[in-house]
C-alpha atoms as a PDB file:
ATOM      1  CA  MET A   1     153.367 135.361 109.369  1.00  0.00           C
ATOM      2  CA  ARG A   2     149.636 135.936 109.242  1.00  0.00           C
ATOM      3  CA  ILE A   3     149.571 136.133 105.437  1.00  0.00           C
ATOM      4  CA  THR A   4     151.565 132.876 105.271  1.00  0.00           C
ATOM      5  CA  ARG A   5     148.979 131.086 107.414  1.00  0.00           C
ATOM      6  CA  VAL A   6     146.135 132.441 105.272  1.00  0.00           C
ATOM      7  CA  MET A   7     147.783 131.300 102.034  1.00  0.00           C
ATOM      8  CA  GLY A   8     148.556 127.870 103.503  1.00  0.00           C
ATOM      9  CA  ALA A   9     144.925 127.337 104.515  1.00  0.00           C
ATOM     10  CA  ALA A  10     143.718 128.526 101.122  1.00  0.00           C
ATOM     11  CA  LEU A  11     146.049 126.170  99.268  1.00  0.00           C
ATOM     12  CA  LEU A  12     144.845 123.267 101.427  1.00  0.00           C
ATOM     13  CA  ALA A  13     141.244 124.117 100.563  1.00  0.00           C
ATOM     14  CA  LEU A  14     142.137 124.292  96.874  1.00  0.00           C
ATOM     15  CA  GLY A  15     143.699 120.852  97.043  1.00  0.00           C
ATOM     16  CA  LEU A  16     140.547 119.402  98.593  1.00  0.00           C
ATOM     17  CA  ALA A  17     138.387 121.090  95.963  1.00  0.00           C
ATOM     18  CA  ALA A  18     140.563 119.918  93.089  1.00  0.00           C
ATOM     19  CA  GLY A  19     140.388 116.310  94.242  1.00  0.00           C
ATOM     20  CA  PRO A  20     136.935 115.546  92.751  1.00  0.00           C
ATOM     21  CA  ALA A  21     137.890 117.368  89.550  1.00  0.00           C
ATOM     22  CA  ALA A  22     140.973 115.222  89.109  1.00  0.00           C
ATOM     23  CA  ALA A  23     138.922 112.110  89.808  1.00  0.00           C
ATOM     24  CA  ASP A  24     136.553 113.006  86.968  1.00  0.00           C
ATOM     25  CA  SER A  25     139.433 112.731  84.499  1.00  0.00           C
ATOM     26  CA  SER A  26     140.200 109.119  85.356  1.00  0.00           C
ATOM     27  CA  PRO A  27     139.188 106.368  82.929  1.00  0.00           C
ATOM     28  CA  SER A  28     135.822 104.721  83.404  1.00  0.00           C
ATOM     29  CA  PRO A  29     135.900 101.565  85.566  1.00  0.00           C
ATOM     30  CA  SER A  30     135.810  98.170  83.918  1.00  0.00           C
ATOM     31  CA  ALA A  31     132.811  95.915  84.149  1.00  0.00           C
ATOM     32  CA  SER A  32     132.822  93.837  87.299  1.00  0.00           C
ATOM     33  CA  ALA A  33     131.383  90.645  85.854  1.00  0.00           C
ATOM     34  CA  ASP A  34     132.938  89.492  82.586  1.00  0.00           C
ATOM     35  CA  GLY A  35     130.704  86.430  82.698  1.00  0.00           C
ATOM     36  CA  ASP A  36     127.721  88.657  81.875  1.00  0.00           C
ATOM     37  CA  ALA A  37     129.303  89.901  78.646  1.00  0.00           C
ATOM     38  CA  PRO A  38     127.201  89.253  75.524  1.00  0.00           C
ATOM     39  CA  THR A  39     128.210  86.369  73.260  1.00  0.00           C
ATOM     40  CA  ARG A  40     126.247  87.401  70.178  1.00  0.00           C
ATOM     41  CA  ALA A  41     125.812  90.431  67.945  1.00  0.00           C
ATOM     42  CA  GLY A  42     122.845  91.985  66.212  1.00  0.00           C
ATOM     43  CA  THR A  43     122.387  92.125  62.463  1.00  0.00           C
ATOM     44  CA  SER A  44     120.948  95.662  62.216  1.00  0.00           C
ATOM     45  CA  PHE A  45     120.570  98.877  64.186  1.00  0.00           C
ATOM     46  CA  ARG A  46     117.269  97.666  65.620  1.00  0.00           C
ATOM     47  CA  THR A  47     118.707  94.378  66.859  1.00  0.00           C
ATOM     48  CA  ALA A  48     122.100  95.689  68.022  1.00  0.00           C
ATOM     49  CA  THR A  49     123.340  93.891  71.134  1.00  0.00           C
ATOM     50  CA  GLU A  50     123.765  96.179  74.144  1.00  0.00           C
ATOM     51  CA  ILE A  51     127.136  96.202  75.884  1.00  0.00           C
ATOM     52  CA  ASP A  52     128.447  98.248  78.790  1.00  0.00           C
ATOM     53  CA  GLN A  53     131.661 100.196  78.729  1.00  0.00           C
ATOM     54  CA  GLY A  54     134.466  98.001  80.025  1.00  0.00           C
ATOM     55  CA  GLN A  55     132.845  94.764  78.820  1.00  0.00           C
ATOM     56  CA  GLN A  56     134.401  92.552  76.182  1.00  0.00           C
ATOM     57  CA  ALA A  57     131.650  91.174  73.968  1.00  0.00           C
ATOM     58  CA  THR A  58     132.162  88.216  71.658  1.00  0.00           C
ATOM     59  CA  ALA A  59     130.209  86.932  68.679  1.00  0.00           C
ATOM     60  CA  SER A  60     130.375  84.346  65.945  1.00  0.00           C
ATOM     61  CA  GLY A  61     129.335  84.966  62.364  1.00  0.00           C
ATOM     62  CA  SER A  62     130.169  84.503  58.727  1.00  0.00           C
ATOM     63  CA  THR A  63     132.303  86.584  56.422  1.00  0.00           C
ATOM     64  CA  GLY A  64     129.940  89.074  54.800  1.00  0.00           C
ATOM     65  CA  ASP A  65     127.642  89.490  57.828  1.00  0.00           C
ATOM     66  CA  TYR A  66     127.004  92.866  59.436  1.00  0.00           C
ATOM     67  CA  LEU A  67     127.612  92.680  63.194  1.00  0.00           C
ATOM     68  CA  TYR A  68     126.073  95.384  65.428  1.00  0.00           C
ATOM     69  CA  TRP A  69     126.529  96.363  69.079  1.00  0.00           C
ATOM     70  CA  SER A  70     125.350  99.424  71.027  1.00  0.00           C
ATOM     71  CA  PHE A  71     126.737 101.191  74.100  1.00  0.00           C
ATOM     72  CA  PRO A  72     125.984 104.349  76.120  1.00  0.00           C
ATOM     73  CA  ALA A  73     128.294 107.378  76.191  1.00  0.00           C
ATOM     74  CA  ASP A  74     127.795 110.449  78.353  1.00  0.00           C
ATOM     75  CA  THR A  75     128.974 114.043  78.349  1.00  0.00           C
ATOM     76  CA  GLY A  76     132.726 114.493  78.822  1.00  0.00           C
ATOM     77  CA  GLN A  77     133.637 110.947  77.786  1.00  0.00           C
ATOM     78  CA  ARG A  78     135.968 110.082  74.917  1.00  0.00           C
ATOM     79  CA  PRO A  79     135.044 106.526  73.868  1.00  0.00           C
ATOM     80  CA  THR A  80     137.537 104.131  72.331  1.00  0.00           C
ATOM     81  CA  VAL A  81     136.128 101.153  70.415  1.00  0.00           C
ATOM     82  CA  ARG A  82     138.401  98.177  69.738  1.00  0.00           C
ATOM     83  CA  ALA A  83     137.532  95.097  67.700  1.00  0.00           C
ATOM     84  CA  THR A  84     139.422  91.904  66.906  1.00  0.00           C
ATOM     85  CA  VAL A  85     138.299  89.604  64.090  1.00  0.00           C
ATOM     86  CA  LYS A  86     139.502  85.999  64.246  1.00  0.00           C
ATOM     87  CA  LEU A  87     139.793  84.700  60.701  1.00  0.00           C
ATOM     88  CA  PRO A  88     139.593  81.114  59.375  1.00  0.00           C
ATOM     89  CA  ASP A  89     142.740  79.096  58.785  1.00  0.00           C
ATOM     90  CA  ALA A  90     142.681  79.465  55.005  1.00  0.00           C
ATOM     91  CA  HIS A  91     141.616  82.723  53.364  1.00  0.00           C
ATOM     92  CA  GLY A  92     142.765  85.370  50.956  1.00  0.00           C
ATOM     93  CA  PHE A  93     143.227  89.088  51.504  1.00  0.00           C
ATOM     94  CA  GLU A  94     140.304  90.579  53.449  1.00  0.00           C
ATOM     95  CA  THR A  95     139.581  94.202  54.363  1.00  0.00           C
ATOM     96  CA  TRP A  96     137.526  94.784  57.517  1.00  0.00           C
ATOM     97  CA  GLN A  97     136.002  98.045  58.699  1.00  0.00           C
ATOM     98  CA  LEU A  98     134.720  99.344  62.051  1.00  0.00           C
ATOM     99  CA  ASP A  99     132.074 102.112  61.968  1.00  0.00           C
ATOM    100  CA  VAL A 100     130.489 104.010  64.883  1.00  0.00           C
ATOM    101  CA  TYR A 101     127.129 105.801  64.691  1.00  0.00           C
ATOM    102  CA  ASP A 102     125.329 108.009  67.227  1.00  0.00           C
ATOM    103  CA  GLY A 103     121.717 107.775  68.400  1.00  0.00           C
ATOM    104  CA  LEU A 104     120.536 109.545  65.232  1.00  0.00           C
ATOM    105  CA  ARG A 105     122.457 106.980  63.167  1.00  0.00           C
ATOM    106  CA  ARG A 106     124.933 109.579  61.984  1.00  0.00           C
ATOM    107  CA  ARG A 107     128.329 108.117  61.249  1.00  0.00           C
ATOM    108  CA  GLN A 108     130.920 109.527  63.643  1.00  0.00           C
ATOM    109  CA  SER A 109     134.453 110.212  62.499  1.00  0.00           C
ATOM    110  CA  CYS A 110     137.421 108.810  64.410  1.00  0.00           C
ATOM    111  CA  GLN A 111     140.088 111.092  65.845  1.00  0.00           C
ATOM    112  CA  TYR A 112     142.646 108.368  65.329  1.00  0.00           C
ATOM    113  CA  GLY A 113     142.907 104.611  65.185  1.00  0.00           C
ATOM    114  CA  ALA A 114     142.981 101.948  62.462  1.00  0.00           C
ATOM    115  CA  GLN A 115     139.319 101.981  61.461  1.00  0.00           C
ATOM    116  CA  THR A 116     139.939  99.940  58.288  1.00  0.00           C
ATOM    117  CA  ARG A 117     142.553  97.222  57.945  1.00  0.00           C
ATOM    118  CA  THR A 118     143.463  94.560  55.423  1.00  0.00           C
ATOM    119  CA  ALA A 119     144.388  91.103  56.680  1.00  0.00           C
ATOM    120  CA  ALA A 120     147.101  89.357  54.719  1.00  0.00           C
ATOM    121  CA  GLN A 121     146.509  85.949  53.183  1.00  0.00           C
ATOM    122  CA  GLY A 122     146.479  83.324  55.931  1.00  0.00           C
ATOM    123  CA  ALA A 123     146.581  85.870  58.813  1.00  0.00           C
ATOM    124  CA  GLY A 124     144.974  84.617  62.004  1.00  0.00           C
ATOM    125  CA  SER A 125     143.282  87.856  63.023  1.00  0.00           C
ATOM    126  CA  VAL A 126     142.922  91.564  62.302  1.00  0.00           C
ATOM    127  CA  GLU A 127     142.584  94.339  64.908  1.00  0.00           C
ATOM    128  CA  LEU A 128     140.633  97.577  64.462  1.00  0.00           C
ATOM    129  CA  ALA A 129     140.253 100.658  66.660  1.00  0.00           C
ATOM    130  CA  CYS A 130     138.351 103.939  66.635  1.00  0.00           C
ATOM    131  CA  VAL A 131     138.839 106.784  69.128  1.00  0.00           C
ATOM    132  CA  LEU A 132     135.841 109.082  68.943  1.00  0.00           C
ATOM    133  CA  ARG A 133     135.752 112.787  69.650  1.00  0.00           C
ATOM    134  CA  THR A 134     134.754 113.883  73.150  1.00  0.00           C
ATOM    135  CA  VAL A 135     131.014 113.694  73.762  1.00  0.00           C
ATOM    136  CA  ARG A 136     129.587 117.199  74.134  1.00  0.00           C
ATOM    137  CA  GLY A 137     126.628 118.280  76.231  1.00  0.00           C
ATOM    138  CA  TRP A 138     125.124 120.376  73.442  1.00  0.00           C
ATOM    139  CA  ALA A 139     125.668 121.238  69.772  1.00  0.00           C
ATOM    140  CA  GLU A 140     124.054 123.178  66.954  1.00  0.00           C
ATOM    141  CA  PRO A 141     121.351 121.256  65.044  1.00  0.00           C
ATOM    142  CA  TRP A 142     123.441 121.299  61.857  1.00  0.00           C
ATOM    143  CA  ALA A 143     126.609 120.030  63.567  1.00  0.00           C
ATOM    144  CA  ASN A 144     127.759 116.423  63.616  1.00  0.00           C
ATOM    145  CA  ASP A 145     129.284 116.603  67.098  1.00  0.00           C
ATOM    146  CA  PRO A 146     128.964 113.489  69.296  1.00  0.00           C
ATOM    147  CA  LEU A 147     126.214 113.964  71.879  1.00  0.00           C
ATOM    148  CA  PRO A 148     125.209 111.909  74.944  1.00  0.00           C
ATOM    149  CA  GLY A 149     123.119 108.840  74.260  1.00  0.00           C
ATOM    150  CA  THR A 150     123.340 105.525  72.468  1.00  0.00           C
ATOM    151  CA  TYR A 151     126.159 104.698  70.073  1.00  0.00           C
ATOM    152  CA  TYR A 152     126.206 101.861  67.555  1.00  0.00           C
ATOM    153  CA  VAL A 153     129.202  99.783  66.482  1.00  0.00           C
ATOM    154  CA  ARG A 154     129.113  98.069  63.085  1.00  0.00           C
ATOM    155  CA  LEU A 155     131.762  95.546  62.081  1.00  0.00           C
ATOM    156  CA  THR A 156     131.888  94.066  58.595  1.00  0.00           C
ATOM    157  CA  VAL A 157     134.177  93.037  55.762  1.00  0.00           C
ATOM    158  CA  VAL A 158     134.289  95.483  52.844  1.00  0.00           C
ATOM    159  CA  ASP A 159     136.589  93.679  50.424  1.00  0.00           C
ATOM    160  CA  LEU A 160     137.323  89.969  49.982  1.00  0.00           C
ATOM    161  CA  GLY A 161     137.543  87.245  47.416  1.00  0.00           C
ATOM    162  CA  ALA A 162     134.405  85.400  46.341  1.00  0.00           C
ATOM    163  CA  ALA A 163     135.824  82.110  47.645  1.00  0.00           C
ATOM    164  CA  ASP A 164     136.020  83.512  51.193  1.00  0.00           C
ATOM    165  CA  LEU A 165     132.409  84.687  51.391  1.00  0.00           C
ATOM    166  CA  GLY A 166     130.436  82.886  54.099  1.00  0.00           C
ATOM    167  CA  LYS A 167     133.401  81.421  55.988  1.00  0.00           C
ATOM    168  CA  PRO A 168     133.067  81.387  59.808  1.00  0.00           C
ATOM    169  CA  VAL A 169     134.718  84.171  61.800  1.00  0.00           C
ATOM    170  CA  GLY A 170     134.804  85.270  65.421  1.00  0.00           C
ATOM    171  CA  ALA A 171     134.683  88.821  66.755  1.00  0.00           C
ATOM    172  CA  GLU A 172     135.623  90.525  70.011  1.00  0.00           C
ATOM    173  CA  VAL A 173     134.535  94.087  70.771  1.00  0.00           C
ATOM    174  CA  ARG A 174     135.354  96.286  73.751  1.00  0.00           C
ATOM    175  CA  VAL A 175     134.493  99.929  74.528  1.00  0.00           C
ATOM    176  CA  ASP A 176     136.364 102.061  77.057  1.00  0.00           C
ATOM    177  CA  SER A 177     136.198 105.780  77.782  1.00  0.00           C
ATOM    178  CA  LYS A 178     138.475 108.452  79.121  1.00  0.00           C
ATOM    179  CA  GLY A 179     136.855 111.207  81.177  1.00  0.00           C
ATOM    180  CA  ILE A 180     137.831 114.594  79.763  1.00  0.00           C
ATOM    181  CA  GLY A 181     135.788 116.703  82.213  1.00  0.00           C
ATOM    182  CA  GLY A 182     135.527 120.476  82.111  1.00  0.00           C
ATOM    183  CA  ALA A 183     138.073 120.854  79.316  1.00  0.00           C
ATOM    184  CA  ALA A 184     135.315 119.893  76.867  1.00  0.00           C
ATOM    185  CA  ALA A 185     132.388 121.536  78.674  1.00  0.00           C
ATOM    186  CA  VAL A 186     129.984 123.766  76.753  1.00  0.00           C
ATOM    187  CA  ASP A 187     127.323 126.194  77.932  1.00  0.00           C
ATOM    188  CA  GLY A 188     124.249 124.162  77.115  1.00  0.00           C
ATOM    189  CA  SER A 189     122.665 120.742  77.456  1.00  0.00           C
ATOM    190  CA  LEU A 190     120.264 118.478  75.637  1.00  0.00           C
ATOM    191  CA  GLY A 191     116.739 118.068  76.917  1.00  0.00           C
ATOM    192  CA  LYS A 192     117.210 114.286  76.705  1.00  0.00           C
ATOM    193  CA  PRO A 193     120.055 112.042  75.494  1.00  0.00           C
ATOM    194  CA  LEU A 194     119.975 110.660  71.952  1.00  0.00           C
ATOM    195  CA  VAL A 195     118.564 107.253  72.827  1.00  0.00           C
ATOM    196  CA  PRO A 196     116.522 105.524  70.110  1.00  0.00           C
ATOM    197  CA  GLY A 197     112.754 105.537  70.482  1.00  0.00           C
ATOM    198  CA  ILE A 198     112.515 101.899  69.401  1.00  0.00           C
ATOM    199  CA  ALA A 199     111.634  99.684  72.363  1.00  0.00           C
ATOM    200  CA  VAL A 200     114.543  97.405  73.116  1.00  0.00           C
ATOM    201  CA  THR A 201     113.047  96.276  76.419  1.00  0.00           C
ATOM    202  CA  SER A 202     109.649  96.547  78.034  1.00  0.00           C
ATOM    203  CA  GLU A 203     108.353  96.992  81.522  1.00  0.00           C
ATOM    204  CA  GLU A 204     104.950  96.780  83.135  1.00  0.00           C
ATOM    205  CA  ASP A 205     103.209  99.942  84.224  1.00  0.00           C
ATOM    206  CA  LYS A 206     100.856 100.273  87.159  1.00  0.00           C
ATOM    207  CA  ASP A 207      97.918  98.920  85.139  1.00  0.00           C
ATOM    208  CA  GLY A 208      99.787  95.812  84.140  1.00  0.00           C
ATOM    209  CA  ALA A 209     100.197  96.856  80.524  1.00  0.00           C
ATOM    210  CA  LYS A 210     103.598  96.728  78.917  1.00  0.00           C
ATOM    211  CA  GLY A 211     105.019 100.019  77.728  1.00  0.00           C
ATOM    212  CA  ALA A 212     108.086 100.740  75.697  1.00  0.00           C
ATOM    213  CA  VAL A 213     111.172 102.192  77.319  1.00  0.00           C
ATOM    214  CA  LEU A 214     113.974 103.916  75.485  1.00  0.00           C
ATOM    215  CA  SER A 215     116.830 101.756  76.654  1.00  0.00           C
ATOM    216  CA  SER A 216     117.748  99.309  79.380  1.00  0.00           C
ATOM    217  CA  PHE A 217     121.116 100.855  80.137  1.00  0.00           C
ATOM    218  CA  GLY A 218     122.315 104.131  81.610  1.00  0.00           C
ATOM    219  CA  SER A 219     124.015 105.267  84.776  1.00  0.00           C
ATOM    220  CA  ASP A 220     122.189 104.898  88.094  1.00  0.00           C
ATOM    221  CA  ASP A 221     122.254 108.650  88.640  1.00  0.00           C
ATOM    222  CA  GLY A 222     120.986 109.462  85.161  1.00  0.00           C
ATOM    223  CA  TRP A 223     122.741 111.272  82.363  1.00  0.00           C
ATOM    224  CA  SER A 224     125.141 113.952  83.520  1.00  0.00           C
ATOM    225  CA  SER A 225     124.320 116.523  80.836  1.00  0.00           C
ATOM    226  CA  GLY A 226     123.649 119.872  82.485  1.00  0.00           C
ATOM    227  CA  TRP A 227     125.162 123.141  83.594  1.00  0.00           C
ATOM    228  CA  TRP A 228     127.576 121.635  86.144  1.00  0.00           C
ATOM    229  CA  SER A 229     131.101 120.557  85.257  1.00  0.00           C
ATOM    230  CA  ASP A 230     134.502 120.636  86.954  1.00  0.00           C
ATOM    231  CA  ARG A 231     135.176 123.794  84.954  1.00  0.00           C
ATOM    232  CA  TRP A 232     133.338 125.617  87.758  1.00  0.00           C
ATOM    233  CA  VAL A 233     135.827 124.203  90.289  1.00  0.00           C
ATOM    234  CA  TRP A 234     138.799 125.558  88.359  1.00  0.00           C
ATOM    235  CA  THR A 235     137.023 128.887  87.879  1.00  0.00           C
ATOM    236  CA  GLY A 236     136.615 129.114  91.661  1.00  0.00           C
ATOM    237  CA  ILE A 237     140.277 128.203  92.147  1.00  0.00           C
ATOM    238  CA  GLY A 238     141.291 131.022  89.820  1.00  0.00           C
ATOM    239  CA  ALA A 239     139.104 133.492  91.716  1.00  0.00           C
ATOM    240  CA  VAL A 240     140.619 132.481  95.063  1.00  0.00           C
ATOM    241  CA  LEU A 241     144.159 132.782  93.709  1.00  0.00           C
ATOM    242  CA  ALA A 242     143.377 136.225  92.309  1.00  0.00           C
ATOM    243  CA  ALA A 243     142.025 137.303  95.704  1.00  0.00           C
ATOM    244  CA  LEU A 244     145.135 135.978  97.478  1.00  0.00           C
ATOM    245  CA  ALA A 245     147.359 137.830  95.017  1.00  0.00           C
ATOM    246  CA  GLY A 246     145.462 141.038  95.735  1.00  0.00           C
ATOM    247  CA  ILE A 247     145.807 140.585  99.496  1.00  0.00           C
ATOM    248  CA  GLY A 248     149.515 139.820  99.182  1.00  0.00           C
ATOM    249  CA  GLY A 249     150.109 142.870  97.015  1.00  0.00           C
ATOM    250  CA  TYR A 250     148.280 145.086  99.477  1.00  0.00           C
ATOM    251  CA  VAL A 251     150.308 143.771 102.420  1.00  0.00           C
ATOM    252  CA  LEU A 252     153.611 144.278 100.597  1.00  0.00           C
ATOM    253  CA  THR A 253     152.857 147.821  99.421  1.00  0.00           C
ATOM    254  CA  ARG A 254     151.192 149.085 102.599  1.00  0.00           C
ATOM    255  CA  GLY A 255     154.454 149.689 104.451  1.00  0.00           C
ATOM    256  CA  SER A 256     155.715 148.602 107.837  1.00  0.00           C
ATOM    257  CA  GLY A 257     153.314 150.703 109.934  1.00  0.00           C
ATOM    258  CA  ARG A 258     151.951 154.166 110.594  1.00  0.00           C
ATOM    259  CA  PRO A 259     154.351 157.053 110.034  1.00  0.00           C
ATOM    260  CA  SER A 260     155.689 158.543 113.237  1.00  0.00           C
ATOM    261  CA  ARG A 261     154.245 161.941 114.170  1.00  0.00           C
ATOM    262  CA  VAL A 262     156.733 164.774 114.024  1.00  0.00           C
ATOM    263  CA  PRO A 263     156.163 167.381 116.753  1.00  0.00           C
ATOM    264  CA  PRO A 264     155.638 170.891 115.410  1.00  0.00           C
ATOM    265  CA  ASN A 265     158.471 173.406 115.689  1.00  0.00           C
ATOM    266  CA  VAL A 266     158.139 175.803 118.593  1.00  0.00           C
END
């Protein structure tokens, strides 16, 4: 009876501890104010329009333009970038491509998704998608692993007829992430996230002078890269279960009680 009560209390504690870990694996929340979503796109890495995860940004342009957006991604997130290009009424076959780059402007490969698609003649729109690899907290200098920081989205047409060049198009871009958590944790962290050093905003210092800042976005609590992850929670759960198994084995093999004393023969 006593061992049953101990195991019940331990399992209750494990459930409470696993709650935050399970919450970390939920998708990132959507943006609360869609009215604040950007309605334009940049034309280069330096002028990329910033968007938040969960926002749907829109832009107008011409066939042949390069459209750029940027968004933040943190450790343990698996970003998914989706883009929809609204084509003019009359056009020929067009091939559009969606590329994603990290803060060092290294092109990131997609795990899956239609990164390049060809729109048939007269099609109203074409949809593209790119699911990135999980963002890691640390990687070797020679590796091309996605790391926390700024990511760039580039949308452009890569093949079209000469008659379609310069026609007006519309674009919609949205970035969402799935939290992977401790399953992708590594023993290491970056000193700082890969955010570009080019000043995209400015702020006044104490002397009134304007100084450059790295970026205007980021979570309120800072970047989560570090030694902590929910992997530690599951490691603790495993240790507790191992201890309970040891206690249960000891109780079962100990016997029912002390052996009765046999009086010596007279």
